Amino acid sequence: YVGRPCAASPATGSKMQHLKELKQLLDDSFNI
């Protein structure tokens, strides 16, 4: 599974955190 961990909210609320998570998600999904 490649995706965000379970959380109480559907978004981080921070643009920088969102971009960091997005980069990690894309890196993980293309390196499986």
C-alpha atoms as a PDB file:
ATOM      1  CA  TYR A   1       0.000   0.000   0.000  1.00  0.00           C
ATOM      2  CA  VAL A   2       1.271   3.439  -0.919  1.00  0.00           C
ATOM      3  CA  GLY A   3      -0.682   6.297   0.563  1.00  0.00           C
ATOM      4  CA  ARG A   4      -1.174   8.573   3.503  1.00  0.00           C
ATOM      5  CA  PRO A   5      -1.558   7.044   6.930  1.00  0.00           C
ATOM      6  CA  CYS A   6      -4.955   7.227   8.617  1.00  0.00           C
ATOM      7  CA  ALA A   7      -5.680  10.612  10.150  1.00  0.00           C
ATOM      8  CA  ALA A   8      -8.566  12.489  11.732  1.00  0.00           C
ATOM      9  CA  SER A   9      -8.621  15.005   8.885  1.00  0.00           C
ATOM     10  CA  PRO A  10      -8.424  14.446   5.125  1.00  0.00           C
ATOM     11  CA  ALA A  11      -5.783  17.166   4.656  1.00  0.00           C
ATOM     12  CA  THR A  12      -2.670  18.333   6.472  1.00  0.00           C
ATOM     13  CA  GLY A  13      -3.671  22.008   6.557  1.00  0.00           C
ATOM     14  CA  SER A  14      -0.153  23.013   5.550  1.00  0.00           C
ATOM     15  CA  LYS A  15       0.941  23.531   1.952  1.00  0.00           C
ATOM     16  CA  MET A  16       4.549  22.602   2.726  1.00  0.00           C
ATOM     17  CA  GLN A  17       3.507  19.409   4.535  1.00  0.00           C
ATOM     18  CA  HIS A  18       1.156  18.563   1.656  1.00  0.00           C
ATOM     19  CA  LEU A  19       3.963  18.951  -0.898  1.00  0.00           C
ATOM     20  CA  LYS A  20       6.297  16.834   1.251  1.00  0.00           C
ATOM     21  CA  GLU A  21       3.689  14.052   1.529  1.00  0.00           C
ATOM     22  CA  LEU A  22       2.886  14.280  -2.185  1.00  0.00           C
ATOM     23  CA  LYS A  23       6.549  13.930  -3.134  1.00  0.00           C
ATOM     24  CA  GLN A  24       6.941  10.937  -0.814  1.00  0.00           C
ATOM     25  CA  LEU A  25       3.788   9.310  -2.212  1.00  0.00           C
ATOM     26  CA  LEU A  26       4.958   9.745  -5.814  1.00  0.00           C
ATOM     27  CA  ASP A  27       8.482   8.538  -5.028  1.00  0.00           C
ATOM     28  CA  ASP A  28       7.122   5.449  -3.265  1.00  0.00           C
ATOM     29  CA  SER A  29       4.592   4.645  -5.976  1.00  0.00           C
ATOM     30  CA  PHE A  30       7.165   4.740  -8.790  1.00  0.00           C
ATOM     31  CA  ASN A  31       9.807   2.781  -6.851  1.00  0.00           C
ATOM     32  CA  ILE A  32       7.741  -0.288  -5.997  1.00  0.00           C
END
